[in-house]
N, C-alpha and C. Protein backbone atom coordinates (compact mmCIF):
# COMPACT_ATOMS: atom_id res chain seq x y z
N UNK A 1 -25.29 -7.03 -5.49
CA UNK A 1 -24.65 -6.05 -6.35
C UNK A 1 -23.19 -6.46 -6.55
N UNK A 2 -22.75 -6.44 -7.79
CA UNK A 2 -21.37 -6.82 -8.08
C UNK A 2 -20.41 -5.72 -7.63
N UNK A 3 -19.14 -6.08 -7.54
CA UNK A 3 -18.12 -5.10 -7.15
C UNK A 3 -18.09 -3.92 -8.12
N UNK A 4 -18.20 -4.22 -9.41
CA UNK A 4 -18.15 -3.16 -10.42
C UNK A 4 -19.33 -2.21 -10.27
N UNK A 5 -20.53 -2.76 -10.08
CA UNK A 5 -21.70 -1.90 -9.90
C UNK A 5 -21.61 -1.09 -8.61
N UNK A 6 -21.11 -1.72 -7.57
CA UNK A 6 -20.93 -1.00 -6.30
C UNK A 6 -19.95 0.16 -6.49
N UNK A 7 -18.88 -0.08 -7.24
CA UNK A 7 -17.89 0.96 -7.51
C UNK A 7 -18.51 2.10 -8.32
N UNK A 8 -19.32 1.76 -9.34
CA UNK A 8 -19.99 2.78 -10.14
C UNK A 8 -20.95 3.59 -9.28
N UNK A 9 -21.71 2.91 -8.42
CA UNK A 9 -22.65 3.61 -7.55
C UNK A 9 -21.89 4.51 -6.57
N UNK A 10 -20.81 4.01 -6.00
CA UNK A 10 -20.03 4.82 -5.06
C UNK A 10 -19.51 6.09 -5.73
N UNK A 11 -19.02 5.95 -6.97
CA UNK A 11 -18.55 7.13 -7.70
C UNK A 11 -19.70 8.10 -7.94
N UNK A 12 -20.86 7.57 -8.35
CA UNK A 12 -22.05 8.41 -8.53
C UNK A 12 -22.37 9.13 -7.23
N UNK A 13 -22.39 8.39 -6.12
CA UNK A 13 -22.78 8.97 -4.84
C UNK A 13 -21.84 10.09 -4.42
N UNK A 14 -20.54 9.91 -4.66
CA UNK A 14 -19.55 10.95 -4.32
C UNK A 14 -19.76 12.18 -5.19
N UNK A 15 -20.09 11.98 -6.46
CA UNK A 15 -20.27 13.07 -7.43
C UNK A 15 -21.74 13.50 -7.58
N UNK A 16 -22.61 12.94 -6.77
CA UNK A 16 -24.06 13.08 -6.93
C UNK A 16 -24.51 14.52 -7.17
N UNK A 17 -24.13 15.44 -6.31
CA UNK A 17 -24.61 16.82 -6.44
C UNK A 17 -24.25 17.41 -7.79
N UNK A 18 -23.06 17.15 -8.26
CA UNK A 18 -22.60 17.65 -9.56
C UNK A 18 -23.36 16.96 -10.70
N UNK A 19 -23.52 15.64 -10.60
CA UNK A 19 -24.14 14.85 -11.67
C UNK A 19 -25.62 15.19 -11.83
N UNK A 20 -26.34 15.35 -10.72
CA UNK A 20 -27.79 15.53 -10.83
C UNK A 20 -28.20 16.98 -11.07
N UNK A 21 -27.30 17.93 -10.86
CA UNK A 21 -27.67 19.34 -11.00
C UNK A 21 -28.22 19.61 -12.40
N UNK A 22 -29.45 20.10 -12.44
CA UNK A 22 -30.11 20.41 -13.70
C UNK A 22 -30.74 19.20 -14.38
N UNK A 23 -30.61 18.03 -13.74
CA UNK A 23 -31.14 16.79 -14.34
C UNK A 23 -32.00 16.02 -13.34
N UNK A 24 -32.58 16.72 -12.39
CA UNK A 24 -33.37 16.08 -11.35
C UNK A 24 -34.47 15.22 -11.96
N UNK A 25 -34.61 14.01 -11.41
CA UNK A 25 -35.62 13.02 -11.81
C UNK A 25 -35.40 12.42 -13.20
N UNK A 26 -34.28 12.70 -13.82
CA UNK A 26 -33.91 12.01 -15.06
C UNK A 26 -33.07 10.79 -14.67
N UNK A 27 -32.72 10.00 -15.64
CA UNK A 27 -31.85 8.84 -15.43
C UNK A 27 -30.50 9.14 -16.08
N UNK A 28 -29.43 8.86 -15.35
CA UNK A 28 -28.09 9.08 -15.86
C UNK A 28 -27.46 7.72 -16.17
N UNK A 29 -26.75 7.65 -17.28
CA UNK A 29 -26.04 6.44 -17.68
C UNK A 29 -24.56 6.65 -17.37
N UNK A 30 -24.00 5.76 -16.56
CA UNK A 30 -22.63 5.91 -16.07
C UNK A 30 -21.82 4.67 -16.39
N UNK A 31 -20.61 4.88 -16.90
CA UNK A 31 -19.60 3.84 -17.00
C UNK A 31 -18.47 4.29 -16.08
N UNK A 32 -17.43 3.49 -15.91
CA UNK A 32 -16.40 3.90 -14.94
C UNK A 32 -15.93 5.34 -15.13
N UNK A 33 -16.29 6.15 -14.14
CA UNK A 33 -15.83 7.54 -14.02
C UNK A 33 -16.25 8.43 -15.18
N UNK A 34 -17.40 8.10 -15.81
CA UNK A 34 -17.86 8.90 -16.94
C UNK A 34 -19.38 8.88 -17.04
N UNK A 35 -19.95 10.05 -17.23
CA UNK A 35 -21.38 10.17 -17.50
C UNK A 35 -21.56 10.12 -19.02
N UNK A 36 -22.35 9.15 -19.49
CA UNK A 36 -22.57 9.00 -20.92
C UNK A 36 -23.78 9.78 -21.42
N UNK A 37 -24.69 10.10 -20.52
CA UNK A 37 -25.86 10.86 -20.94
C UNK A 37 -26.97 10.79 -19.93
N UNK A 38 -28.00 11.60 -20.19
CA UNK A 38 -29.18 11.68 -19.34
C UNK A 38 -30.40 11.30 -20.16
N UNK A 39 -31.36 10.63 -19.52
CA UNK A 39 -32.50 10.07 -20.22
C UNK A 39 -33.77 10.25 -19.40
N UNK A 40 -34.93 10.28 -20.08
CA UNK A 40 -36.18 10.49 -19.35
C UNK A 40 -36.65 9.25 -18.58
N UNK A 41 -36.21 8.07 -19.01
CA UNK A 41 -36.65 6.82 -18.34
C UNK A 41 -35.47 5.87 -18.16
N UNK A 42 -35.65 4.93 -17.26
CA UNK A 42 -34.63 3.92 -17.04
C UNK A 42 -34.47 3.07 -18.31
N UNK A 43 -35.59 2.76 -18.95
CA UNK A 43 -35.54 1.95 -20.17
C UNK A 43 -34.74 2.64 -21.27
N UNK A 44 -34.94 3.94 -21.44
CA UNK A 44 -34.20 4.64 -22.50
C UNK A 44 -32.70 4.68 -22.18
N UNK A 45 -32.35 4.76 -20.90
CA UNK A 45 -30.94 4.71 -20.51
C UNK A 45 -30.36 3.33 -20.81
N UNK A 46 -31.10 2.28 -20.46
CA UNK A 46 -30.65 0.90 -20.73
C UNK A 46 -30.57 0.63 -22.23
N UNK A 47 -31.54 1.15 -22.99
CA UNK A 47 -31.50 0.98 -24.45
C UNK A 47 -30.26 1.65 -25.04
N UNK A 48 -29.91 2.82 -24.53
CA UNK A 48 -28.72 3.52 -25.00
C UNK A 48 -27.47 2.72 -24.68
N UNK A 49 -27.42 2.14 -23.49
CA UNK A 49 -26.28 1.31 -23.11
C UNK A 49 -26.14 0.13 -24.07
N UNK A 50 -27.27 -0.48 -24.38
CA UNK A 50 -27.25 -1.62 -25.31
C UNK A 50 -26.77 -1.18 -26.70
N UNK A 51 -27.25 -0.03 -27.17
CA UNK A 51 -26.83 0.48 -28.48
C UNK A 51 -25.33 0.78 -28.51
N UNK A 52 -24.78 1.14 -27.35
CA UNK A 52 -23.34 1.43 -27.26
C UNK A 52 -22.52 0.15 -27.08
N UNK A 53 -23.20 -0.99 -26.99
CA UNK A 53 -22.51 -2.26 -26.84
C UNK A 53 -22.06 -2.56 -25.42
N UNK A 54 -22.61 -1.85 -24.45
CA UNK A 54 -22.24 -2.09 -23.05
C UNK A 54 -22.96 -3.33 -22.53
N UNK A 55 -22.26 -4.14 -21.79
CA UNK A 55 -22.85 -5.34 -21.22
C UNK A 55 -23.38 -5.06 -19.82
N UNK A 56 -24.44 -5.78 -19.46
CA UNK A 56 -25.01 -5.64 -18.13
C UNK A 56 -23.92 -5.85 -17.08
N UNK A 57 -23.88 -4.98 -16.10
CA UNK A 57 -22.85 -5.04 -15.07
C UNK A 57 -21.69 -4.11 -15.32
N UNK A 58 -21.59 -3.57 -16.55
CA UNK A 58 -20.51 -2.65 -16.89
C UNK A 58 -20.98 -1.20 -16.98
N UNK A 59 -22.23 -0.98 -16.62
CA UNK A 59 -22.76 0.38 -16.60
C UNK A 59 -23.79 0.48 -15.49
N UNK A 60 -24.11 1.70 -15.13
CA UNK A 60 -25.13 1.96 -14.12
C UNK A 60 -26.11 2.97 -14.68
N UNK A 61 -27.40 2.65 -14.62
CA UNK A 61 -28.46 3.60 -14.93
C UNK A 61 -29.05 4.00 -13.58
N UNK A 62 -28.88 5.24 -13.20
CA UNK A 62 -29.25 5.71 -11.87
C UNK A 62 -30.16 6.91 -11.97
N UNK A 63 -31.21 6.93 -11.16
CA UNK A 63 -32.10 8.08 -11.15
C UNK A 63 -31.41 9.25 -10.46
N UNK A 64 -31.58 10.43 -11.02
CA UNK A 64 -30.96 11.64 -10.49
C UNK A 64 -31.82 12.23 -9.38
N UNK A 65 -31.62 11.71 -8.19
CA UNK A 65 -32.32 12.21 -7.01
C UNK A 65 -31.29 12.42 -5.90
N UNK A 66 -31.65 13.25 -4.94
CA UNK A 66 -30.75 13.50 -3.82
C UNK A 66 -30.65 12.25 -2.95
N UNK A 67 -29.63 12.21 -2.12
CA UNK A 67 -29.48 11.06 -1.23
C UNK A 67 -30.65 10.99 -0.24
N UNK A 68 -31.18 12.16 0.17
CA UNK A 68 -32.32 12.17 1.08
C UNK A 68 -33.54 11.55 0.41
N UNK A 69 -33.78 11.87 -0.86
CA UNK A 69 -34.89 11.28 -1.59
C UNK A 69 -34.71 9.77 -1.73
N UNK A 70 -33.48 9.35 -1.96
CA UNK A 70 -33.19 7.93 -2.11
C UNK A 70 -33.46 7.19 -0.81
N UNK A 71 -33.01 7.75 0.30
CA UNK A 71 -33.23 7.13 1.61
C UNK A 71 -34.71 7.07 1.92
N UNK A 72 -35.44 8.16 1.68
CA UNK A 72 -36.88 8.18 1.94
C UNK A 72 -37.61 7.16 1.09
N UNK A 73 -37.24 7.03 -0.18
CA UNK A 73 -37.87 6.05 -1.06
C UNK A 73 -37.61 4.63 -0.59
N UNK A 74 -36.38 4.36 -0.16
CA UNK A 74 -36.03 3.03 0.34
C UNK A 74 -36.82 2.73 1.60
N UNK A 75 -36.86 3.69 2.52
CA UNK A 75 -37.58 3.51 3.77
C UNK A 75 -39.06 3.28 3.51
N UNK A 76 -39.66 4.13 2.67
CA UNK A 76 -41.09 4.02 2.39
C UNK A 76 -41.44 2.70 1.71
N UNK A 77 -40.61 2.23 0.77
CA UNK A 77 -40.91 0.97 0.10
C UNK A 77 -40.78 -0.20 1.06
N UNK A 78 -39.81 -0.15 1.97
CA UNK A 78 -39.67 -1.22 2.96
C UNK A 78 -40.82 -1.20 3.95
N UNK A 79 -41.27 -0.02 4.36
CA UNK A 79 -42.39 0.08 5.28
C UNK A 79 -43.65 -0.45 4.62
N UNK A 80 -43.83 -0.18 3.34
CA UNK A 80 -45.00 -0.67 2.61
C UNK A 80 -45.01 -2.20 2.60
N UNK A 81 -43.84 -2.83 2.43
CA UNK A 81 -43.76 -4.29 2.44
C UNK A 81 -44.13 -4.83 3.82
N UNK A 82 -43.71 -4.16 4.88
CA UNK A 82 -44.02 -4.60 6.25
C UNK A 82 -45.53 -4.51 6.47
N UNK A 83 -46.13 -3.40 6.05
CA UNK A 83 -47.56 -3.20 6.24
C UNK A 83 -48.35 -4.25 5.46
N UNK A 84 -47.94 -4.55 4.25
CA UNK A 84 -48.63 -5.55 3.43
C UNK A 84 -48.52 -6.95 4.02
N UNK A 85 -47.42 -7.24 4.73
CA UNK A 85 -47.22 -8.56 5.32
C UNK A 85 -48.03 -8.76 6.59
N UNK A 86 -48.47 -7.67 7.20
CA UNK A 86 -49.21 -7.79 8.47
C UNK A 86 -50.62 -8.28 8.27
């Protein structure tokens, strides 16, 4: 992850509760310190970024889920990889 993307994610994470309220399970499009919109899919968020002329690495498309959901998803996907490797 680039420094810019890490910074965008950190800002999202700090503002997460405010950003996701009323938009659970949607995708949010973020540029530095600004929410550009909410979308039903990651692809529609990325398409919007492209239409706005944003270059990859200068925006973040993030799913609107709680940090607990994010941690559980990460843990479950990693456990699935371990089980498949056995």
